[in-house]
């Protein structure tokens, strides 16, 4: 039986206890606030985001997960012998899926079985 790891992006806002229980890897979206950028859930938590949102004059925007974030996650999981199941925000809403697909190639994964290691 294969070991399967779940990877998602920070748009899921999963409860920390669920992430920990199932060892889910979360790739952070990029938050852009004025001229500063933050990794969602890493450099800025949702509580801080919503508190800041109440008083800001500059509305934040987001950008897709950086390819390097997925590369690091996928490479680590593949090296540990996992097959990877990525559950991501819709490609119609974000370029995150495209970032994951680019990272998949560099992590030594094949497309036929999603992100499973190449033979």
PDB file of N, CA and C in Angstrom:
ATOM      1  N   UNK A   1       0.842  -1.185   0.000  1.00  0.00           N
ATOM      2  CA  UNK A   1       0.000   0.000   0.000  1.00  0.00           C
ATOM      3  C   UNK A   1       0.884   1.244   0.000  1.00  0.00           C
ATOM      4  N   UNK A   2       0.565   2.196  -0.852  1.00  0.00           N
ATOM      5  CA  UNK A   2       1.332   3.427  -0.973  1.00  0.00           C
ATOM      6  C   UNK A   2       1.043   4.382   0.171  1.00  0.00           C
ATOM      7  N   UNK A   3       2.065   5.164   0.499  1.00  0.00           N
ATOM      8  CA  UNK A   3       1.870   6.261   1.449  1.00  0.00           C
ATOM      9  C   UNK A   3       1.408   7.456   0.637  1.00  0.00           C
ATOM     10  N   UNK A   4       0.348   8.096   1.103  1.00  0.00           N
ATOM     11  CA  UNK A   4      -0.200   9.244   0.388  1.00  0.00           C
ATOM     12  C   UNK A   4      -0.141  10.469   1.297  1.00  0.00           C
ATOM     13  N   UNK A   5       0.354  11.568   0.739  1.00  0.00           N
ATOM     14  CA  UNK A   5       0.396  12.840   1.450  1.00  0.00           C
ATOM     15  C   UNK A   5      -0.548  13.815   0.758  1.00  0.00           C
ATOM     16  N   UNK A   6      -1.251  14.596   1.550  1.00  0.00           N
ATOM     17  CA  UNK A   6      -2.164  15.600   1.018  1.00  0.00           C
ATOM     18  C   UNK A   6      -1.487  16.965   1.088  1.00  0.00           C
ATOM     19  N   UNK A   7      -1.561  17.672  -0.035  1.00  0.00           N
ATOM     20  CA  UNK A   7      -1.038  19.032  -0.126  1.00  0.00           C
ATOM     21  C   UNK A   7      -2.185  19.917  -0.577  1.00  0.00           C
ATOM     22  N   UNK A   8      -2.294  21.084   0.033  1.00  0.00           N
ATOM     23  CA  UNK A   8      -3.308  22.045  -0.380  1.00  0.00           C
ATOM     24  C   UNK A   8      -2.686  23.431  -0.338  1.00  0.00           C
ATOM     25  N   UNK A   9      -3.481  24.433  -0.663  1.00  0.00           N
ATOM     26  CA  UNK A   9      -2.984  25.799  -0.565  1.00  0.00           C
ATOM     27  C   UNK A   9      -3.745  26.520   0.548  1.00  0.00           C
ATOM     28  N   UNK A  10      -3.255  27.682   0.930  1.00  0.00           N
ATOM     29  CA  UNK A  10      -3.790  28.362   2.104  1.00  0.00           C
ATOM     30  C   UNK A  10      -5.203  28.917   1.926  1.00  0.00           C
ATOM     31  N   UNK A  11      -5.775  28.829   0.736  1.00  0.00           N
ATOM     32  CA  UNK A  11      -7.156  29.275   0.575  1.00  0.00           C
ATOM     33  C   UNK A  11      -8.135  28.349   1.288  1.00  0.00           C
ATOM     34  N   UNK A  12      -7.689  27.170   1.688  1.00  0.00           N
ATOM     35  CA  UNK A  12      -8.583  26.220   2.357  1.00  0.00           C
ATOM     36  C   UNK A  12      -8.897  26.612   3.794  1.00  0.00           C
ATOM     37  N   UNK A  13      -8.004  27.341   4.443  1.00  0.00           N
ATOM     38  CA  UNK A  13      -8.192  27.744   5.841  1.00  0.00           C
ATOM     39  C   UNK A  13      -8.617  26.573   6.709  1.00  0.00           C
ATOM     40  N   UNK A  14      -7.845  25.509   6.676  1.00  0.00           N
ATOM     41  CA  UNK A  14      -8.123  24.312   7.478  1.00  0.00           C
ATOM     42  C   UNK A  14      -7.786  24.549   8.946  1.00  0.00           C
ATOM     43  N   UNK A  15      -8.584  23.993   9.831  1.00  0.00           N
ATOM     44  CA  UNK A  15      -8.269  24.101  11.253  1.00  0.00           C
ATOM     45  C   UNK A  15      -6.921  23.440  11.554  1.00  0.00           C
ATOM     46  N   UNK A  16      -6.094  24.081  12.375  1.00  0.00           N
ATOM     47  CA  UNK A  16      -4.766  23.539  12.676  1.00  0.00           C
ATOM     48  C   UNK A  16      -4.789  22.104  13.201  1.00  0.00           C
ATOM     49  N   UNK A  17      -5.795  21.757  13.982  1.00  0.00           N
ATOM     50  CA  UNK A  17      -5.851  20.391  14.521  1.00  0.00           C
ATOM     51  C   UNK A  17      -6.069  19.356  13.412  1.00  0.00           C
ATOM     52  N   UNK A  18      -6.813  19.706  12.370  1.00  0.00           N
ATOM     53  CA  UNK A  18      -7.025  18.816  11.229  1.00  0.00           C
ATOM     54  C   UNK A  18      -5.729  18.672  10.419  1.00  0.00           C
ATOM     55  N   UNK A  19      -5.041  19.778  10.222  1.00  0.00           N
ATOM     56  CA  UNK A  19      -3.771  19.769   9.496  1.00  0.00           C
ATOM     57  C   UNK A  19      -2.772  18.876  10.217  1.00  0.00           C
ATOM     58  N   UNK A  20      -2.685  19.038  11.525  1.00  0.00           N
ATOM     59  CA  UNK A  20      -1.740  18.256  12.317  1.00  0.00           C
ATOM     60  C   UNK A  20      -2.116  16.772  12.331  1.00  0.00           C
ATOM     61  N   UNK A  21      -3.392  16.487  12.550  1.00  0.00           N
ATOM     62  CA  UNK A  21      -3.858  15.103  12.639  1.00  0.00           C
ATOM     63  C   UNK A  21      -3.559  14.316  11.368  1.00  0.00           C
ATOM     64  N   UNK A  22      -3.728  14.948  10.219  1.00  0.00           N
ATOM     65  CA  UNK A  22      -3.567  14.259   8.938  1.00  0.00           C
ATOM     66  C   UNK A  22      -2.260  14.622   8.224  1.00  0.00           C
ATOM     67  N   UNK A  23      -1.395  15.368   8.918  1.00  0.00           N
ATOM     68  CA  UNK A  23      -0.094  15.754   8.377  1.00  0.00           C
ATOM     69  C   UNK A  23      -0.229  16.371   6.979  1.00  0.00           C
ATOM     70  N   UNK A  24      -1.134  17.333   6.854  1.00  0.00           N
ATOM     71  CA  UNK A  24      -1.409  18.005   5.586  1.00  0.00           C
ATOM     72  C   UNK A  24      -0.396  19.130   5.383  1.00  0.00           C
ATOM     73  N   UNK A  25       0.165  19.196   4.195  1.00  0.00           N
ATOM     74  CA  UNK A  25       1.091  20.279   3.850  1.00  0.00           C
ATOM     75  C   UNK A  25       0.302  21.399   3.190  1.00  0.00           C
ATOM     76  N   UNK A  26       0.576  22.630   3.612  1.00  0.00           N
ATOM     77  CA  UNK A  26      -0.146  23.780   3.066  1.00  0.00           C
ATOM     78  C   UNK A  26       0.840  24.742   2.411  1.00  0.00           C
ATOM     79  N   UNK A  27       0.644  24.978   1.124  1.00  0.00           N
ATOM     80  CA  UNK A  27       1.461  25.936   0.382  1.00  0.00           C
ATOM     81  C   UNK A  27       0.809  27.312   0.509  1.00  0.00           C
ATOM     82  N   UNK A  28       1.572  28.317   0.931  1.00  0.00           N
ATOM     83  CA  UNK A  28       0.968  29.631   1.185  1.00  0.00           C
ATOM     84  C   UNK A  28       0.744  30.471  -0.068  1.00  0.00           C
ATOM     85  N   UNK A  29      -0.457  31.047  -0.156  1.00  0.00           N
ATOM     86  CA  UNK A  29      -0.711  32.070  -1.161  1.00  0.00           C
ATOM     87  C   UNK A  29       0.109  33.295  -0.776  1.00  0.00           C
ATOM     88  N   UNK A  30       0.299  34.197  -1.682  1.00  0.00           N
ATOM     89  CA  UNK A  30       1.046  35.420  -1.411  1.00  0.00           C
ATOM     90  C   UNK A  30       0.055  36.556  -1.214  1.00  0.00           C
ATOM     91  N   UNK A  31       0.158  37.236  -0.062  1.00  0.00           N
ATOM     92  CA  UNK A  31      -0.664  38.411   0.223  1.00  0.00           C
ATOM     93  C   UNK A  31       0.153  39.642  -0.120  1.00  0.00           C
ATOM     94  N   UNK A  32      -0.445  40.558  -0.835  1.00  0.00           N
ATOM     95  CA  UNK A  32       0.233  41.799  -1.213  1.00  0.00           C
ATOM     96  C   UNK A  32      -0.549  42.943  -0.571  1.00  0.00           C
ATOM     97  N   UNK A  33       0.133  43.647   0.319  1.00  0.00           N
ATOM     98  CA  UNK A  33      -0.513  44.757   1.026  1.00  0.00           C
ATOM     99  C   UNK A  33       0.330  45.999   0.811  1.00  0.00           C
ATOM    100  N   UNK A  34      -0.130  46.839  -0.090  1.00  0.00           N
ATOM    101  CA  UNK A  34       0.671  48.006  -0.443  1.00  0.00           C
ATOM    102  C   UNK A  34       1.931  47.538  -1.143  1.00  0.00           C
ATOM    103  N   UNK A  35       3.085  47.908  -0.570  1.00  0.00           N
ATOM    104  CA  UNK A  35       4.351  47.484  -1.178  1.00  0.00           C
ATOM    105  C   UNK A  35       5.012  46.348  -0.402  1.00  0.00           C
ATOM    106  N   UNK A  36       4.250  45.689   0.469  1.00  0.00           N
ATOM    107  CA  UNK A  36       4.775  44.555   1.235  1.00  0.00           C
ATOM    108  C   UNK A  36       4.074  43.267   0.825  1.00  0.00           C
ATOM    109  N   UNK A  37       4.821  42.160   0.869  1.00  0.00           N
ATOM    110  CA  UNK A  37       4.240  40.856   0.580  1.00  0.00           C
ATOM    111  C   UNK A  37       4.420  39.943   1.785  1.00  0.00           C
ATOM    112  N   UNK A  38       3.473  39.035   1.955  1.00  0.00           N
ATOM    113  CA  UNK A  38       3.473  38.097   3.075  1.00  0.00           C
ATOM    114  C   UNK A  38       3.049  36.725   2.570  1.00  0.00           C
ATOM    115  N   UNK A  39       3.590  35.679   3.180  1.00  0.00           N
ATOM    116  CA  UNK A  39       3.116  34.331   2.910  1.00  0.00           C
ATOM    117  C   UNK A  39       1.920  34.084   3.822  1.00  0.00           C
ATOM    118  N   UNK A  40       0.778  33.823   3.206  1.00  0.00           N
ATOM    119  CA  UNK A  40      -0.473  33.598   3.944  1.00  0.00           C
ATOM    120  C   UNK A  40      -0.333  32.419   4.895  1.00  0.00           C
ATOM    121  N   UNK A  41      -0.627  32.666   6.164  1.00  0.00           N
ATOM    122  CA  UNK A  41      -0.571  31.615   7.167  1.00  0.00           C
ATOM    123  C   UNK A  41       0.818  31.356   7.716  1.00  0.00           C
ATOM    124  N   UNK A  42       1.822  32.014   7.133  1.00  0.00           N
ATOM    125  CA  UNK A  42       3.201  31.857   7.594  1.00  0.00           C
ATOM    126  C   UNK A  42       3.684  33.181   8.174  1.00  0.00           C
ATOM    127  N   UNK A  43       3.670  34.203   7.346  1.00  0.00           N
ATOM    128  CA  UNK A  43       4.122  35.528   7.770  1.00  0.00           C
ATOM    129  C   UNK A  43       2.965  36.409   8.216  1.00  0.00           C
ATOM    130  N   UNK A  44       1.755  36.005   7.882  1.00  0.00           N
ATOM    131  CA  UNK A  44       0.559  36.705   8.362  1.00  0.00           C
ATOM    132  C   UNK A  44      -0.544  35.683   8.584  1.00  0.00           C
ATOM    133  N   UNK A  45      -1.046  35.649   9.820  1.00  0.00           N
ATOM    134  CA  UNK A  45      -2.129  34.738  10.175  1.00  0.00           C
ATOM    135  C   UNK A  45      -3.475  35.404   9.876  1.00  0.00           C
ATOM    136  N   UNK A  46      -4.515  34.612   9.771  1.00  0.00           N
ATOM    137  CA  UNK A  46      -5.827  35.147   9.400  1.00  0.00           C
ATOM    138  C   UNK A  46      -6.345  36.171  10.410  1.00  0.00           C
ATOM    139  N   UNK A  47      -6.049  35.990  11.696  1.00  0.00           N
ATOM    140  CA  UNK A  47      -6.519  36.946  12.706  1.00  0.00           C
ATOM    141  C   UNK A  47      -5.925  38.333  12.440  1.00  0.00           C
ATOM    142  N   UNK A  48      -4.622  38.359  12.178  1.00  0.00           N
ATOM    143  CA  UNK A  48      -3.950  39.624  11.881  1.00  0.00           C
ATOM    144  C   UNK A  48      -4.497  40.233  10.592  1.00  0.00           C
ATOM    145  N   UNK A  49      -4.730  39.398   9.598  1.00  0.00           N
ATOM    146  CA  UNK A  49      -5.261  39.867   8.322  1.00  0.00           C
ATOM    147  C   UNK A  49      -6.590  40.582   8.524  1.00  0.00           C
ATOM    148  N   UNK A  50      -7.525  39.944   9.237  1.00  0.00           N
ATOM    149  CA  UNK A  50      -8.853  40.531   9.407  1.00  0.00           C
ATOM    150  C   UNK A  50      -8.834  41.748  10.319  1.00  0.00           C
ATOM    151  N   UNK A  51      -7.960  41.764  11.306  1.00  0.00           N
ATOM    152  CA  UNK A  51      -7.822  42.935  12.169  1.00  0.00           C
ATOM    153  C   UNK A  51      -7.311  44.118  11.345  1.00  0.00           C
ATOM    154  N   UNK A  52      -6.286  43.874  10.563  1.00  0.00           N
ATOM    155  CA  UNK A  52      -5.714  44.925   9.735  1.00  0.00           C
ATOM    156  C   UNK A  52      -6.693  45.395   8.665  1.00  0.00           C
ATOM    157  N   UNK A  53      -7.500  44.494   8.149  1.00  0.00           N
ATOM    158  CA  UNK A  53      -8.466  44.810   7.102  1.00  0.00           C
ATOM    159  C   UNK A  53      -9.487  45.850   7.583  1.00  0.00           C
ATOM    160  N   UNK A  54      -9.824  45.826   8.870  1.00  0.00           N
ATOM    161  CA  UNK A  54     -10.814  46.754   9.436  1.00  0.00           C
ATOM    162  C   UNK A  54     -10.360  48.211   9.381  1.00  0.00           C
ATOM    163  N   UNK A  55      -9.063  48.442   9.416  1.00  0.00           N
ATOM    164  CA  UNK A  55      -8.570  49.818   9.526  1.00  0.00           C
ATOM    165  C   UNK A  55      -7.734  50.287   8.340  1.00  0.00           C
ATOM    166  N   UNK A  56      -7.504  49.425   7.381  1.00  0.00           N
ATOM    167  CA  UNK A  56      -6.606  49.784   6.278  1.00  0.00           C
ATOM    168  C   UNK A  56      -7.250  50.737   5.278  1.00  0.00           C
ATOM    169  N   UNK A  57      -6.416  51.529   4.660  1.00  0.00           N
ATOM    170  CA  UNK A  57      -6.865  52.381   3.565  1.00  0.00           C
ATOM    171  C   UNK A  57      -6.456  51.786   2.225  1.00  0.00           C
ATOM    172  N   UNK A  58      -5.552  50.804   2.289  1.00  0.00           N
ATOM    173  CA  UNK A  58      -5.073  50.118   1.093  1.00  0.00           C
ATOM    174  C   UNK A  58      -5.578  48.680   1.141  1.00  0.00           C
ATOM    175  N   UNK A  59      -6.367  48.304   0.172  1.00  0.00           N
ATOM    176  CA  UNK A  59      -6.916  46.948   0.145  1.00  0.00           C
ATOM    177  C   UNK A  59      -5.840  45.962  -0.318  1.00  0.00           C
ATOM    178  N   UNK A  60      -5.776  44.798   0.337  1.00  0.00           N
ATOM    179  CA  UNK A  60      -4.795  43.792  -0.058  1.00  0.00           C
ATOM    180  C   UNK A  60      -5.239  43.052  -1.318  1.00  0.00           C
ATOM    181  N   UNK A  61      -4.270  42.464  -1.976  1.00  0.00           N
ATOM    182  CA  UNK A  61      -4.540  41.564  -3.103  1.00  0.00           C
ATOM    183  C   UNK A  61      -3.770  40.281  -2.832  1.00  0.00           C
ATOM    184  N   UNK A  62      -3.972  39.307  -3.677  1.00  0.00           N
ATOM    185  CA  UNK A  62      -3.253  38.046  -3.516  1.00  0.00           C
ATOM    186  C   UNK A  62      -2.591  37.660  -4.831  1.00  0.00           C
ATOM    187  N   UNK A  63      -1.658  36.757  -4.713  1.00  0.00           N
ATOM    188  CA  UNK A  63      -1.008  36.178  -5.876  1.00  0.00           C
ATOM    189  C   UNK A  63      -0.901  34.682  -5.624  1.00  0.00           C
ATOM    190  N   UNK A  64      -0.802  33.929  -6.678  1.00  0.00           N
ATOM    191  CA  UNK A  64      -0.734  32.472  -6.571  1.00  0.00           C
ATOM    192  C   UNK A  64       0.468  32.022  -5.749  1.00  0.00           C
ATOM    193  N   UNK A  65       0.398  30.803  -5.280  1.00  0.00           N
ATOM    194  CA  UNK A  65       1.506  30.193  -4.556  1.00  0.00           C
ATOM    195  C   UNK A  65       2.732  30.192  -5.462  1.00  0.00           C
ATOM    196  N   UNK A  66       3.873  30.549  -4.914  1.00  0.00           N
ATOM    197  CA  UNK A  66       5.115  30.545  -5.678  1.00  0.00           C
ATOM    198  C   UNK A  66       5.515  29.114  -6.015  1.00  0.00           C
ATOM    199  N   UNK A  67       6.041  28.927  -7.204  1.00  0.00           N
ATOM    200  CA  UNK A  67       6.475  27.604  -7.654  1.00  0.00           C
ATOM    201  C   UNK A  67       7.446  26.993  -6.644  1.00  0.00           C
ATOM    202  N   UNK A  68       8.365  27.780  -6.124  1.00  0.00           N
ATOM    203  CA  UNK A  68       9.364  27.272  -5.185  1.00  0.00           C
ATOM    204  C   UNK A  68       8.721  26.684  -3.928  1.00  0.00           C
ATOM    205  N   UNK A  69       7.609  27.241  -3.484  1.00  0.00           N
ATOM    206  CA  UNK A  69       6.916  26.695  -2.312  1.00  0.00           C
ATOM    207  C   UNK A  69       6.439  25.274  -2.578  1.00  0.00           C
ATOM    208  N   UNK A  70       5.842  25.071  -3.740  1.00  0.00           N
ATOM    209  CA  UNK A  70       5.413  23.722  -4.104  1.00  0.00           C
ATOM    210  C   UNK A  70       6.609  22.807  -4.316  1.00  0.00           C
ATOM    211  N   UNK A  71       7.660  23.298  -4.942  1.00  0.00           N
ATOM    212  CA  UNK A  71       8.850  22.475  -5.179  1.00  0.00           C
ATOM    213  C   UNK A  71       9.396  21.926  -3.866  1.00  0.00           C
ATOM    214  N   UNK A  72       9.514  22.782  -2.878  1.00  0.00           N
ATOM    215  CA  UNK A  72      10.051  22.355  -1.584  1.00  0.00           C
ATOM    216  C   UNK A  72       9.172  21.293  -0.936  1.00  0.00           C
ATOM    217  N   UNK A  73       7.872  21.504  -0.975  1.00  0.00           N
ATOM    218  CA  UNK A  73       6.934  20.549  -0.364  1.00  0.00           C
ATOM    219  C   UNK A  73       6.966  19.224  -1.113  1.00  0.00           C
ATOM    220  N   UNK A  74       6.822  19.276  -2.441  1.00  0.00           N
ATOM    221  CA  UNK A  74       6.778  18.045  -3.238  1.00  0.00           C
ATOM    222  C   UNK A  74       8.075  17.254  -3.116  1.00  0.00           C
ATOM    223  N   UNK A  75       9.201  17.935  -3.232  1.00  0.00           N
ATOM    224  CA  UNK A  75      10.493  17.251  -3.173  1.00  0.00           C
ATOM    225  C   UNK A  75      10.650  16.531  -1.840  1.00  0.00           C
ATOM    226  N   UNK A  76      10.312  17.193  -0.749  1.00  0.00           N
ATOM    227  CA  UNK A  76      10.420  16.587   0.571  1.00  0.00           C
ATOM    228  C   UNK A  76       9.549  15.333   0.672  1.00  0.00           C
ATOM    229  N   UNK A  77       8.318  15.428   0.207  1.00  0.00           N
ATOM    230  CA  UNK A  77       7.398  14.293   0.301  1.00  0.00           C
ATOM    231  C   UNK A  77       7.829  13.132  -0.598  1.00  0.00           C
ATOM    232  N   UNK A  78       8.257  13.447  -1.816  1.00  0.00           N
ATOM    233  CA  UNK A  78       8.706  12.410  -2.745  1.00  0.00           C
ATOM    234  C   UNK A  78       9.927  11.691  -2.173  1.00  0.00           C
ATOM    235  N   UNK A  79      10.867  12.452  -1.616  1.00  0.00           N
ATOM    236  CA  UNK A  79      12.058  11.847  -1.019  1.00  0.00           C
ATOM    237  C   UNK A  79      11.712  10.933   0.158  1.00  0.00           C
ATOM    238  N   UNK A  80      10.602  11.198   0.822  1.00  0.00           N
ATOM    239  CA  UNK A  80      10.159  10.370   1.946  1.00  0.00           C
ATOM    240  C   UNK A  80       9.299   9.191   1.480  1.00  0.00           C
ATOM    241  N   UNK A  81       9.130   9.055   0.167  1.00  0.00           N
ATOM    242  CA  UNK A  81       8.415   7.916  -0.383  1.00  0.00           C
ATOM    243  C   UNK A  81       6.910   8.080  -0.492  1.00  0.00           C
ATOM    244  N   UNK A  82       6.417   9.305  -0.428  1.00  0.00           N
ATOM    245  CA  UNK A  82       4.981   9.546  -0.527  1.00  0.00           C
ATOM    246  C   UNK A  82       4.549   9.755  -1.969  1.00  0.00           C
ATOM    247  N   UNK A  83       3.321   9.349  -2.231  1.00  0.00           N
ATOM    248  CA  UNK A  83       2.621   9.804  -3.421  1.00  0.00           C
ATOM    249  C   UNK A  83       1.846  11.020  -2.946  1.00  0.00           C
ATOM    250  N   UNK A  84       1.705  12.015  -3.810  1.00  0.00           N
ATOM    251  CA  UNK A  84       1.136  13.288  -3.394  1.00  0.00           C
ATOM    252  C   UNK A  84      -0.216  13.515  -4.051  1.00  0.00           C
ATOM    253  N   UNK A  85      -1.183  13.874  -3.229  1.00  0.00           N
ATOM    254  CA  UNK A  85      -2.507  14.266  -3.702  1.00  0.00           C
ATOM    255  C   UNK A  85      -2.651  15.744  -3.397  1.00  0.00           C
ATOM    256  N   UNK A  86      -2.714  16.574  -4.444  1.00  0.00           N
ATOM    257  CA  UNK A  86      -2.827  18.016  -4.268  1.00  0.00           C
ATOM    258  C   UNK A  86      -4.271  18.447  -4.496  1.00  0.00           C
ATOM    259  N   UNK A  87      -4.844  19.080  -3.493  1.00  0.00           N
ATOM    260  CA  UNK A  87      -6.205  19.615  -3.553  1.00  0.00           C
ATOM    261  C   UNK A  87      -6.089  21.130  -3.496  1.00  0.00           C
ATOM    262  N   UNK A  88      -6.332  21.786  -4.634  1.00  0.00           N
ATOM    263  CA  UNK A  88      -6.013  23.205  -4.758  1.00  0.00           C
ATOM    264  C   UNK A  88      -7.205  24.039  -5.182  1.00  0.00           C
ATOM    265  N   UNK A  89      -7.068  25.340  -4.998  1.00  0.00           N
ATOM    266  CA  UNK A  89      -8.073  26.288  -5.455  1.00  0.00           C
ATOM    267  C   UNK A  89      -8.242  26.115  -6.968  1.00  0.00           C
ATOM    268  N   UNK A  90      -9.425  26.376  -7.460  1.00  0.00           N
ATOM    269  CA  UNK A  90      -9.734  26.194  -8.879  1.00  0.00           C
ATOM    270  C   UNK A  90      -8.792  26.979  -9.786  1.00  0.00           C
ATOM    271  N   UNK A  91      -8.407  26.356 -10.881  1.00  0.00           N
ATOM    272  CA  UNK A  91      -7.554  27.039 -11.861  1.00  0.00           C
ATOM    273  C   UNK A  91      -8.293  28.189 -12.536  1.00  0.00           C
ATOM    274  N   UNK A  92      -9.607  28.234 -12.403  1.00  0.00           N
ATOM    275  CA  UNK A  92     -10.384  29.350 -12.950  1.00  0.00           C
ATOM    276  C   UNK A  92     -10.282  30.589 -12.059  1.00  0.00           C
ATOM    277  N   UNK A  93      -9.832  30.393 -10.814  1.00  0.00           N
ATOM    278  CA  UNK A  93      -9.731  31.506  -9.868  1.00  0.00           C
ATOM    279  C   UNK A  93      -8.300  31.948  -9.598  1.00  0.00           C
ATOM    280  N   UNK A  94      -7.348  31.086  -9.869  1.00  0.00           N
ATOM    281  CA  UNK A  94      -5.968  31.369  -9.496  1.00  0.00           C
ATOM    282  C   UNK A  94      -4.999  30.613 -10.397  1.00  0.00           C
ATOM    283  N   UNK A  95      -3.771  31.088 -10.439  1.00  0.00           N
ATOM    284  CA  UNK A  95      -2.707  30.401 -11.157  1.00  0.00           C
ATOM    285  C   UNK A  95      -2.003  29.367 -10.299  1.00  0.00           C
ATOM    286  N   UNK A  96      -2.549  29.077  -9.113  1.00  0.00           N
ATOM    287  CA  UNK A  96      -1.925  28.143  -8.180  1.00  0.00           C
ATOM    288  C   UNK A  96      -1.740  26.755  -8.790  1.00  0.00           C
ATOM    289  N   UNK A  97      -2.717  26.276  -9.526  1.00  0.00           N
ATOM    290  CA  UNK A  97      -2.603  24.956 -10.153  1.00  0.00           C
ATOM    291  C   UNK A  97      -1.431  24.956 -11.126  1.00  0.00           C
ATOM    292  N   UNK A  98      -1.261  26.024 -11.874  1.00  0.00           N
ATOM    293  CA  UNK A  98      -0.138  26.126 -12.813  1.00  0.00           C
ATOM    294  C   UNK A  98       1.191  26.093 -12.066  1.00  0.00           C
ATOM    295  N   UNK A  99       1.274  26.769 -10.924  1.00  0.00           N
ATOM    296  CA  UNK A  99       2.499  26.730 -10.112  1.00  0.00           C
ATOM    297  C   UNK A  99       2.786  25.305  -9.652  1.00  0.00           C
ATOM    298  N   UNK A 100       1.750  24.596  -9.226  1.00  0.00           N
ATOM    299  CA  UNK A 100       1.920  23.212  -8.766  1.00  0.00           C
ATOM    300  C   UNK A 100       2.381  22.312  -9.904  1.00  0.00           C
ATOM    301  N   UNK A 101       1.839  22.528 -11.092  1.00  0.00           N
ATOM    302  CA  UNK A 101       2.230  21.704 -12.230  1.00  0.00           C
ATOM    303  C   UNK A 101       3.691  21.952 -12.612  1.00  0.00           C
ATOM    304  N   UNK A 102       4.128  23.193 -12.558  1.00  0.00           N
ATOM    305  CA  UNK A 102       5.536  23.497 -12.840  1.00  0.00           C
ATOM    306  C   UNK A 102       6.439  22.851 -11.791  1.00  0.00           C
ATOM    307  N   UNK A 103       6.033  22.924 -10.531  1.00  0.00           N
ATOM    308  CA  UNK A 103       6.829  22.340  -9.443  1.00  0.00           C
ATOM    309  C   UNK A 103       6.869  20.826  -9.537  1.00  0.00           C
ATOM    310  N   UNK A 104       5.779  20.230  -9.976  1.00  0.00           N
ATOM    311  CA  UNK A 104       5.708  18.772 -10.112  1.00  0.00           C
ATOM    312  C   UNK A 104       6.837  18.258 -10.987  1.00  0.00           C
ATOM    313  N   UNK A 105       7.046  18.911 -12.099  1.00  0.00           N
ATOM    314  CA  UNK A 105       8.089  18.483 -13.041  1.00  0.00           C
ATOM    315  C   UNK A 105       9.468  18.538 -12.406  1.00  0.00           C
ATOM    316  N   UNK A 106       9.767  19.608 -11.704  1.00  0.00           N
ATOM    317  CA  UNK A 106      11.104  19.756 -11.124  1.00  0.00           C
ATOM    318  C   UNK A 106      11.307  18.872  -9.892  1.00  0.00           C
ATOM    319  N   UNK A 107      10.219  18.368  -9.310  1.00  0.00           N
ATOM    320  CA  UNK A 107      10.323  17.499  -8.134  1.00  0.00           C
ATOM    321  C   UNK A 107      10.475  16.029  -8.518  1.00  0.00           C
ATOM    322  N   UNK A 108      10.549  15.747  -9.815  1.00  0.00           N
ATOM    323  CA  UNK A 108      10.735  14.368 -10.252  1.00  0.00           C
ATOM    324  C   UNK A 108       9.467  13.551 -10.174  1.00  0.00           C
ATOM    325  N   UNK A 109       8.347  14.162 -10.491  1.00  0.00           N
ATOM    326  CA  UNK A 109       7.058  13.472 -10.441  1.00  0.00           C
ATOM    327  C   UNK A 109       6.529  13.292 -11.857  1.00  0.00           C
ATOM    328  N   UNK A 110       5.665  12.334 -12.014  1.00  0.00           N
ATOM    329  CA  UNK A 110       5.064  12.114 -13.326  1.00  0.00           C
ATOM    330  C   UNK A 110       3.598  12.518 -13.278  1.00  0.00           C
ATOM    331  N   UNK A 111       3.046  12.824 -14.412  1.00  0.00           N
ATOM    332  CA  UNK A 111       1.684  13.315 -14.487  1.00  0.00           C
ATOM    333  C   UNK A 111       0.642  12.203 -14.417  1.00  0.00           C
ATOM    334  N   UNK A 112       0.930  11.034 -14.965  1.00  0.00           N
ATOM    335  CA  UNK A 112      -0.074   9.989 -15.089  1.00  0.00           C
ATOM    336  C   UNK A 112      -0.755   9.674 -13.758  1.00  0.00           C
ATOM    337  N   UNK A 113       0.003   9.660 -12.698  1.00  0.00           N
ATOM    338  CA  UNK A 113      -0.548   9.338 -11.381  1.00  0.00           C
ATOM    339  C   UNK A 113      -0.530  10.559 -10.470  1.00  0.00           C
ATOM    340  N   UNK A 114      -0.749  11.720 -11.021  1.00  0.00           N
ATOM    341  CA  UNK A 114      -0.718  12.917 -10.205  1.00  0.00           C
ATOM    342  C   UNK A 114       0.725  13.269  -9.883  1.00  0.00           C
ATOM    343  N   UNK A 115       1.074  13.281  -8.622  1.00  0.00           N
ATOM    344  CA  UNK A 115       2.412  13.692  -8.202  1.00  0.00           C
ATOM    345  C   UNK A 115       3.218  12.538  -7.647  1.00  0.00           C
ATOM    346  N   UNK A 116       2.931  11.320  -8.073  1.00  0.00           N
ATOM    347  CA  UNK A 116       3.670  10.185  -7.549  1.00  0.00           C
ATOM    348  C   UNK A 116       5.090  10.187  -8.106  1.00  0.00           C
ATOM    349  N   UNK A 117       6.042   9.603  -7.383  1.00  0.00           N
ATOM    350  CA  UNK A 117       7.440   9.597  -7.837  1.00  0.00           C
ATOM    351  C   UNK A 117       7.604   8.848  -9.146  1.00  0.00           C
ATOM    352  N   UNK A 118       8.547   9.297  -9.952  1.00  0.00           N
ATOM    353  CA  UNK A 118       8.853   8.588 -11.196  1.00  0.00           C
ATOM    354  C   UNK A 118       9.538   7.272 -10.855  1.00  0.00           C
ATOM    355  N   UNK A 119       9.318   6.224 -11.659  1.00  0.00           N
ATOM    356  CA  UNK A 119       9.988   4.927 -11.392  1.00  0.00           C
ATOM    357  C   UNK A 119      11.481   5.026 -11.610  1.00  0.00           C
TER     358      UNK A 119
END
